Amino acid sequence: MSAPTHTRPHSAIRGGVEVRLPWWALVLPALAFAMLLLVILNPADAHAAGGDPAVGHLFERIQETVLRQGS
């Protein structure tokens, strides 16, 4: 009596892997990145930081550049 052989699924033969992510797996990291970028680029919220003023000027220049390119 011979044992039944198991065949590979069609996708395994092609070598492709199908991965299905939920919608929030892509949206949440993008949203977190956007929020952190807004916090960094908003110099009005940085008044409590007592660091080097050159860093603040650098962030202001970056914000101006980003806003100018987005318009």
PDB file of N, CA and C in Angstrom:
ATOM      1  N   MET A   1       0.849  -1.169   0.000  1.00  0.00           N
ATOM      2  CA  MET A   1       0.000   0.000   0.000  1.00  0.00           C
ATOM      3  C   MET A   1       0.897   1.235   0.000  1.00  0.00           C
ATOM      4  N   SER A   2       0.676   2.128  -0.921  1.00  0.00           N
ATOM      5  CA  SER A   2       1.512   3.318  -1.033  1.00  0.00           C
ATOM      6  C   SER A   2       0.868   4.482  -0.289  1.00  0.00           C
ATOM      7  N   ALA A   3       1.710   5.327   0.274  1.00  0.00           N
ATOM      8  CA  ALA A   3       1.238   6.509   1.003  1.00  0.00           C
ATOM      9  C   ALA A   3       0.945   7.627   0.005  1.00  0.00           C
ATOM     10  N   PRO A   4      -0.094   8.417   0.259  1.00  0.00           N
ATOM     11  CA  PRO A   4      -0.383   9.515  -0.665  1.00  0.00           C
ATOM     12  C   PRO A   4       0.705  10.587  -0.573  1.00  0.00           C
ATOM     13  N   THR A   5       1.050  11.146  -1.677  1.00  0.00           N
ATOM     14  CA  THR A   5       2.062  12.211  -1.704  1.00  0.00           C
ATOM     15  C   THR A   5       1.363  13.557  -1.677  1.00  0.00           C
ATOM     16  N   HIS A   6       1.972  14.483  -1.002  1.00  0.00           N
ATOM     17  CA  HIS A   6       1.427  15.832  -0.904  1.00  0.00           C
ATOM     18  C   HIS A   6       2.113  16.700  -1.950  1.00  0.00           C
ATOM     19  N   THR A   7       1.331  17.390  -2.718  1.00  0.00           N
ATOM     20  CA  THR A   7       1.898  18.290  -3.719  1.00  0.00           C
ATOM     21  C   THR A   7       1.973  19.693  -3.147  1.00  0.00           C
ATOM     22  N   ARG A   8       2.895  20.444  -3.665  1.00  0.00           N
ATOM     23  CA  ARG A   8       3.055  21.834  -3.231  1.00  0.00           C
ATOM     24  C   ARG A   8       1.947  22.691  -3.815  1.00  0.00           C
ATOM     25  N   PRO A   9       1.559  23.734  -3.087  1.00  0.00           N
ATOM     26  CA  PRO A   9       0.584  24.672  -3.663  1.00  0.00           C
ATOM     27  C   PRO A   9       1.197  25.383  -4.863  1.00  0.00           C
ATOM     28  N   HIS A  10       0.356  25.943  -5.691  1.00  0.00           N
ATOM     29  CA  HIS A  10       0.811  26.585  -6.922  1.00  0.00           C
ATOM     30  C   HIS A  10       1.754  27.749  -6.647  1.00  0.00           C
ATOM     31  N   SER A  11       1.491  28.545  -5.594  1.00  0.00           N
ATOM     32  CA  SER A  11       2.343  29.699  -5.305  1.00  0.00           C
ATOM     33  C   SER A  11       3.731  29.270  -4.845  1.00  0.00           C
ATOM     34  N   ALA A  12       3.840  28.113  -4.199  1.00  0.00           N
ATOM     35  CA  ALA A  12       5.155  27.647  -3.757  1.00  0.00           C
ATOM     36  C   ALA A  12       6.008  27.216  -4.947  1.00  0.00           C
ATOM     37  N   ILE A  13       5.377  26.759  -5.997  1.00  0.00           N
ATOM     38  CA  ILE A  13       6.124  26.351  -7.178  1.00  0.00           C
ATOM     39  C   ILE A  13       6.712  27.578  -7.872  1.00  0.00           C
ATOM     40  N   ARG A  14       5.949  28.658  -7.916  1.00  0.00           N
ATOM     41  CA  ARG A  14       6.439  29.886  -8.548  1.00  0.00           C
ATOM     42  C   ARG A  14       7.492  30.584  -7.699  1.00  0.00           C
ATOM     43  N   GLY A  15       7.525  30.316  -6.414  1.00  0.00           N
ATOM     44  CA  GLY A  15       8.480  30.976  -5.541  1.00  0.00           C
ATOM     45  C   GLY A  15       7.952  32.274  -4.962  1.00  0.00           C
ATOM     46  N   GLY A  16       6.726  32.642  -5.258  1.00  0.00           N
ATOM     47  CA  GLY A  16       6.152  33.881  -4.742  1.00  0.00           C
ATOM     48  C   GLY A  16       5.520  33.660  -3.380  1.00  0.00           C
ATOM     49  N   VAL A  17       5.524  34.702  -2.576  1.00  0.00           N
ATOM     50  CA  VAL A  17       4.911  34.640  -1.253  1.00  0.00           C
ATOM     51  C   VAL A  17       3.830  35.702  -1.208  1.00  0.00           C
ATOM     52  N   GLU A  18       2.644  35.302  -0.830  1.00  0.00           N
ATOM     53  CA  GLU A  18       1.543  36.250  -0.745  1.00  0.00           C
ATOM     54  C   GLU A  18       1.379  36.684   0.706  1.00  0.00           C
ATOM     55  N   VAL A  19       1.520  37.971   0.937  1.00  0.00           N
ATOM     56  CA  VAL A  19       1.380  38.518   2.279  1.00  0.00           C
ATOM     57  C   VAL A  19       0.275  39.564   2.225  1.00  0.00           C
ATOM     58  N   ARG A  20      -0.682  39.442   3.110  1.00  0.00           N
ATOM     59  CA  ARG A  20      -1.774  40.399   3.175  1.00  0.00           C
ATOM     60  C   ARG A  20      -1.706  41.118   4.517  1.00  0.00           C
ATOM     61  N   LEU A  21      -1.463  42.418   4.455  1.00  0.00           N
ATOM     62  CA  LEU A  21      -1.388  43.229   5.660  1.00  0.00           C
ATOM     63  C   LEU A  21      -2.720  43.926   5.890  1.00  0.00           C
ATOM     64  N   PRO A  22      -3.097  44.109   7.137  1.00  0.00           N
ATOM     65  CA  PRO A  22      -4.294  44.910   7.394  1.00  0.00           C
ATOM     66  C   PRO A  22      -4.016  46.377   7.070  1.00  0.00           C
ATOM     67  N   TRP A  23      -5.070  47.154   6.869  1.00  0.00           N
ATOM     68  CA  TRP A  23      -4.908  48.547   6.462  1.00  0.00           C
ATOM     69  C   TRP A  23      -4.143  49.351   7.492  1.00  0.00           C
ATOM     70  N   TRP A  24      -4.336  49.047   8.771  1.00  0.00           N
ATOM     71  CA  TRP A  24      -3.692  49.840   9.810  1.00  0.00           C
ATOM     72  C   TRP A  24      -2.199  49.550   9.918  1.00  0.00           C
ATOM     73  N   ALA A  25      -1.733  48.462   9.365  1.00  0.00           N
ATOM     74  CA  ALA A  25      -0.302  48.156   9.396  1.00  0.00           C
ATOM     75  C   ALA A  25       0.493  49.110   8.513  1.00  0.00           C
ATOM     76  N   LEU A  26      -0.153  49.739   7.561  1.00  0.00           N
ATOM     77  CA  LEU A  26       0.508  50.737   6.724  1.00  0.00           C
ATOM     78  C   LEU A  26       0.184  52.160   7.156  1.00  0.00           C
ATOM     79  N   VAL A  27      -1.034  52.368   7.638  1.00  0.00           N
ATOM     80  CA  VAL A  27      -1.468  53.721   7.983  1.00  0.00           C
ATOM     81  C   VAL A  27      -0.832  54.206   9.287  1.00  0.00           C
ATOM     82  N   LEU A  28      -0.769  53.351  10.297  1.00  0.00           N
ATOM     83  CA  LEU A  28      -0.245  53.800  11.596  1.00  0.00           C
ATOM     84  C   LEU A  28       1.218  54.246  11.544  1.00  0.00           C
ATOM     85  N   PRO A  29       2.128  53.515  10.916  1.00  0.00           N
ATOM     86  CA  PRO A  29       3.507  54.034  10.839  1.00  0.00           C
ATOM     87  C   PRO A  29       3.600  55.336  10.039  1.00  0.00           C
ATOM     88  N   ALA A  30       2.822  55.451   8.968  1.00  0.00           N
ATOM     89  CA  ALA A  30       2.841  56.691   8.187  1.00  0.00           C
ATOM     90  C   ALA A  30       2.298  57.857   9.006  1.00  0.00           C
ATOM     91  N   LEU A  31       1.241  57.618   9.766  1.00  0.00           N
ATOM     92  CA  LEU A  31       0.668  58.660  10.610  1.00  0.00           C
ATOM     93  C   LEU A  31       1.634  59.060  11.727  1.00  0.00           C
ATOM     94  N   ALA A  32       2.288  58.086  12.331  1.00  0.00           N
ATOM     95  CA  ALA A  32       3.262  58.388  13.384  1.00  0.00           C
ATOM     96  C   ALA A  32       4.430  59.199  12.832  1.00  0.00           C
ATOM     97  N   PHE A  33       4.904  58.842  11.637  1.00  0.00           N
ATOM     98  CA  PHE A  33       5.996  59.597  11.021  1.00  0.00           C
ATOM     99  C   PHE A  33       5.578  61.030  10.748  1.00  0.00           C
ATOM    100  N   ALA A  34       4.371  61.215  10.213  1.00  0.00           N
ATOM    101  CA  ALA A  34       3.894  62.566   9.911  1.00  0.00           C
ATOM    102  C   ALA A  34       3.748  63.402  11.179  1.00  0.00           C
ATOM    103  N   MET A  35       3.241  62.800  12.244  1.00  0.00           N
ATOM    104  CA  MET A  35       3.081  63.537  13.496  1.00  0.00           C
ATOM    105  C   MET A  35       4.436  63.932  14.087  1.00  0.00           C
ATOM    106  N   LEU A  36       5.387  63.017  14.069  1.00  0.00           N
ATOM    107  CA  LEU A  36       6.717  63.355  14.585  1.00  0.00           C
ATOM    108  C   LEU A  36       7.386  64.430  13.740  1.00  0.00           C
ATOM    109  N   LEU A  37       7.187  64.377  12.442  1.00  0.00           N
ATOM    110  CA  LEU A  37       7.754  65.401  11.574  1.00  0.00           C
ATOM    111  C   LEU A  37       7.147  66.765  11.872  1.00  0.00           C
ATOM    112  N   LEU A  38       5.849  66.815  12.110  1.00  0.00           N
ATOM    113  CA  LEU A  38       5.206  68.082  12.455  1.00  0.00           C
ATOM    114  C   LEU A  38       5.702  68.621  13.792  1.00  0.00           C
ATOM    115  N   VAL A  39       5.922  67.750  14.750  1.00  0.00           N
ATOM    116  CA  VAL A  39       6.427  68.189  16.055  1.00  0.00           C
ATOM    117  C   VAL A  39       7.832  68.755  15.913  1.00  0.00           C
ATOM    118  N   ILE A  40       8.640  68.128  15.107  1.00  0.00           N
ATOM    119  CA  ILE A  40      10.021  68.592  14.933  1.00  0.00           C
ATOM    120  C   ILE A  40      10.060  69.911  14.174  1.00  0.00           C
ATOM    121  N   LEU A  41       9.228  70.046  13.154  1.00  0.00           N
ATOM    122  CA  LEU A  41       9.304  71.218  12.282  1.00  0.00           C
ATOM    123  C   LEU A  41       8.515  72.412  12.778  1.00  0.00           C
ATOM    124  N   ASN A  42       7.782  72.287  13.871  1.00  0.00           N
ATOM    125  CA  ASN A  42       6.993  73.410  14.372  1.00  0.00           C
ATOM    126  C   ASN A  42       7.798  74.164  15.428  1.00  0.00           C
ATOM    127  N   PRO A  43       8.449  75.260  15.067  1.00  0.00           N
ATOM    128  CA  PRO A  43       9.294  75.976  16.030  1.00  0.00           C
ATOM    129  C   PRO A  43       8.488  76.670  17.127  1.00  0.00           C
ATOM    130  N   ALA A  44       7.203  76.876  16.962  1.00  0.00           N
ATOM    131  CA  ALA A  44       6.393  77.527  17.997  1.00  0.00           C
ATOM    132  C   ALA A  44       6.291  76.645  19.240  1.00  0.00           C
ATOM    133  N   ASP A  45       6.323  75.333  19.063  1.00  0.00           N
ATOM    134  CA  ASP A  45       6.245  74.420  20.199  1.00  0.00           C
ATOM    135  C   ASP A  45       7.608  74.137  20.819  1.00  0.00           C
ATOM    136  N   ALA A  46       8.653  74.688  20.262  1.00  0.00           N
ATOM    137  CA  ALA A  46       9.996  74.388  20.750  1.00  0.00           C
ATOM    138  C   ALA A  46      10.530  75.465  21.692  1.00  0.00           C
ATOM    139  N   HIS A  47       9.673  76.309  22.253  1.00  0.00           N
ATOM    140  CA  HIS A  47      10.145  77.407  23.104  1.00  0.00           C
ATOM    141  C   HIS A  47      10.752  76.906  24.404  1.00  0.00           C
ATOM    142  N   ALA A  48      10.405  75.708  24.861  1.00  0.00           N
ATOM    143  CA  ALA A  48      10.942  75.187  26.113  1.00  0.00           C
ATOM    144  C   ALA A  48      12.326  74.566  25.934  1.00  0.00           C
ATOM    145  N   ALA A  49      12.727  74.320  24.721  1.00  0.00           N
ATOM    146  CA  ALA A  49      14.034  73.713  24.474  1.00  0.00           C
ATOM    147  C   ALA A  49      15.120  74.763  24.686  1.00  0.00           C
ATOM    148  N   GLY A  50      16.110  74.411  25.476  1.00  0.00           N
ATOM    149  CA  GLY A  50      17.176  75.358  25.773  1.00  0.00           C
ATOM    150  C   GLY A  50      18.453  75.034  25.042  1.00  0.00           C
ATOM    151  N   GLY A  51      18.350  74.486  23.851  1.00  0.00           N
ATOM    152  CA  GLY A  51      19.519  74.066  23.091  1.00  0.00           C
ATOM    153  C   GLY A  51      20.122  75.200  22.289  1.00  0.00           C
ATOM    154  N   ASP A  52      20.963  74.821  21.369  1.00  0.00           N
ATOM    155  CA  ASP A  52      21.654  75.754  20.492  1.00  0.00           C
ATOM    156  C   ASP A  52      20.649  76.425  19.558  1.00  0.00           C
ATOM    157  N   PRO A  53      20.663  77.763  19.443  1.00  0.00           N
ATOM    158  CA  PRO A  53      19.704  78.422  18.555  1.00  0.00           C
ATOM    159  C   PRO A  53      19.928  78.087  17.078  1.00  0.00           C
ATOM    160  N   ALA A  54      21.114  77.617  16.725  1.00  0.00           N
ATOM    161  CA  ALA A  54      21.375  77.250  15.333  1.00  0.00           C
ATOM    162  C   ALA A  54      20.511  76.068  14.916  1.00  0.00           C
ATOM    163  N   VAL A  55      20.219  75.168  15.847  1.00  0.00           N
ATOM    164  CA  VAL A  55      19.367  74.027  15.538  1.00  0.00           C
ATOM    165  C   VAL A  55      17.955  74.508  15.225  1.00  0.00           C
ATOM    166  N   GLY A  56      17.470  75.464  15.995  1.00  0.00           N
ATOM    167  CA  GLY A  56      16.148  76.026  15.733  1.00  0.00           C
ATOM    168  C   GLY A  56      16.079  76.704  14.379  1.00  0.00           C
ATOM    169  N   HIS A  57      17.146  77.431  14.019  1.00  0.00           N
ATOM    170  CA  HIS A  57      17.189  78.080  12.708  1.00  0.00           C
ATOM    171  C   HIS A  57      17.229  77.042  11.589  1.00  0.00           C
ATOM    172  N   LEU A  58      17.926  75.940  11.817  1.00  0.00           N
ATOM    173  CA  LEU A  58      17.974  74.869  10.820  1.00  0.00           C
ATOM    174  C   LEU A  58      16.581  74.271  10.606  1.00  0.00           C
ATOM    175  N   PHE A  59      15.872  74.016  11.694  1.00  0.00           N
ATOM    176  CA  PHE A  59      14.521  73.471  11.572  1.00  0.00           C
ATOM    177  C   PHE A  59      13.578  74.456  10.876  1.00  0.00           C
ATOM    178  N   GLU A  60      13.753  75.744  11.147  1.00  0.00           N
ATOM    179  CA  GLU A  60      12.925  76.743  10.470  1.00  0.00           C
ATOM    180  C   GLU A  60      13.189  76.741   8.974  1.00  0.00           C
ATOM    181  N   ARG A  61      14.455  76.630   8.584  1.00  0.00           N
ATOM    182  CA  ARG A  61      14.803  76.583   7.151  1.00  0.00           C
ATOM    183  C   ARG A  61      14.215  75.339   6.490  1.00  0.00           C
ATOM    184  N   ILE A  62      14.275  74.206   7.197  1.00  0.00           N
ATOM    185  CA  ILE A  62      13.710  72.969   6.653  1.00  0.00           C
ATOM    186  C   ILE A  62      12.208  73.114   6.484  1.00  0.00           C
ATOM    187  N   GLN A  63      11.548  73.719   7.478  1.00  0.00           N
ATOM    188  CA  GLN A  63      10.096  73.913   7.401  1.00  0.00           C
ATOM    189  C   GLN A  63       9.746  74.837   6.236  1.00  0.00           C
ATOM    190  N   GLU A  64      10.486  75.912   6.057  1.00  0.00           N
ATOM    191  CA  GLU A  64      10.224  76.818   4.943  1.00  0.00           C
ATOM    192  C   GLU A  64      10.385  76.107   3.609  1.00  0.00           C
ATOM    193  N   THR A  65      11.416  75.275   3.504  1.00  0.00           N
ATOM    194  CA  THR A  65      11.663  74.542   2.268  1.00  0.00           C
ATOM    195  C   THR A  65      10.541  73.552   1.993  1.00  0.00           C
ATOM    196  N   VAL A  66      10.110  72.828   3.019  1.00  0.00           N
ATOM    197  CA  VAL A  66       9.052  71.844   2.841  1.00  0.00           C
ATOM    198  C   VAL A  66       7.746  72.520   2.470  1.00  0.00           C
ATOM    199  N   LEU A  67       7.430  73.617   3.142  1.00  0.00           N
ATOM    200  CA  LEU A  67       6.181  74.320   2.846  1.00  0.00           C
ATOM    201  C   LEU A  67       6.205  74.958   1.461  1.00  0.00           C
ATOM    202  N   ARG A  68       7.366  75.445   1.034  1.00  0.00           N
ATOM    203  CA  ARG A  68       7.485  76.061  -0.270  1.00  0.00           C
ATOM    204  C   ARG A  68       7.336  75.019  -1.376  1.00  0.00           C
ATOM    205  N   GLN A  69       7.889  73.806  -1.147  1.00  0.00           N
ATOM    206  CA  GLN A  69       7.805  72.736  -2.148  1.00  0.00           C
ATOM    207  C   GLN A  69       6.417  72.161  -2.209  1.00  0.00           C
ATOM    208  N   GLY A  70       5.670  72.176  -1.087  1.00  0.00           N
ATOM    209  CA  GLY A  70       4.333  71.623  -1.051  1.00  0.00           C
ATOM    210  C   GLY A  70       3.288  72.526  -1.703  1.00  0.00           C
ATOM    211  N   SER A  71       3.611  73.792  -1.869  1.00  0.00           N
ATOM    212  CA  SER A  71       2.625  74.735  -2.450  1.00  0.00           C
ATOM    213  C   SER A  71       2.637  74.710  -3.952  1.00  0.00           C
TER     214      SER A  71
END
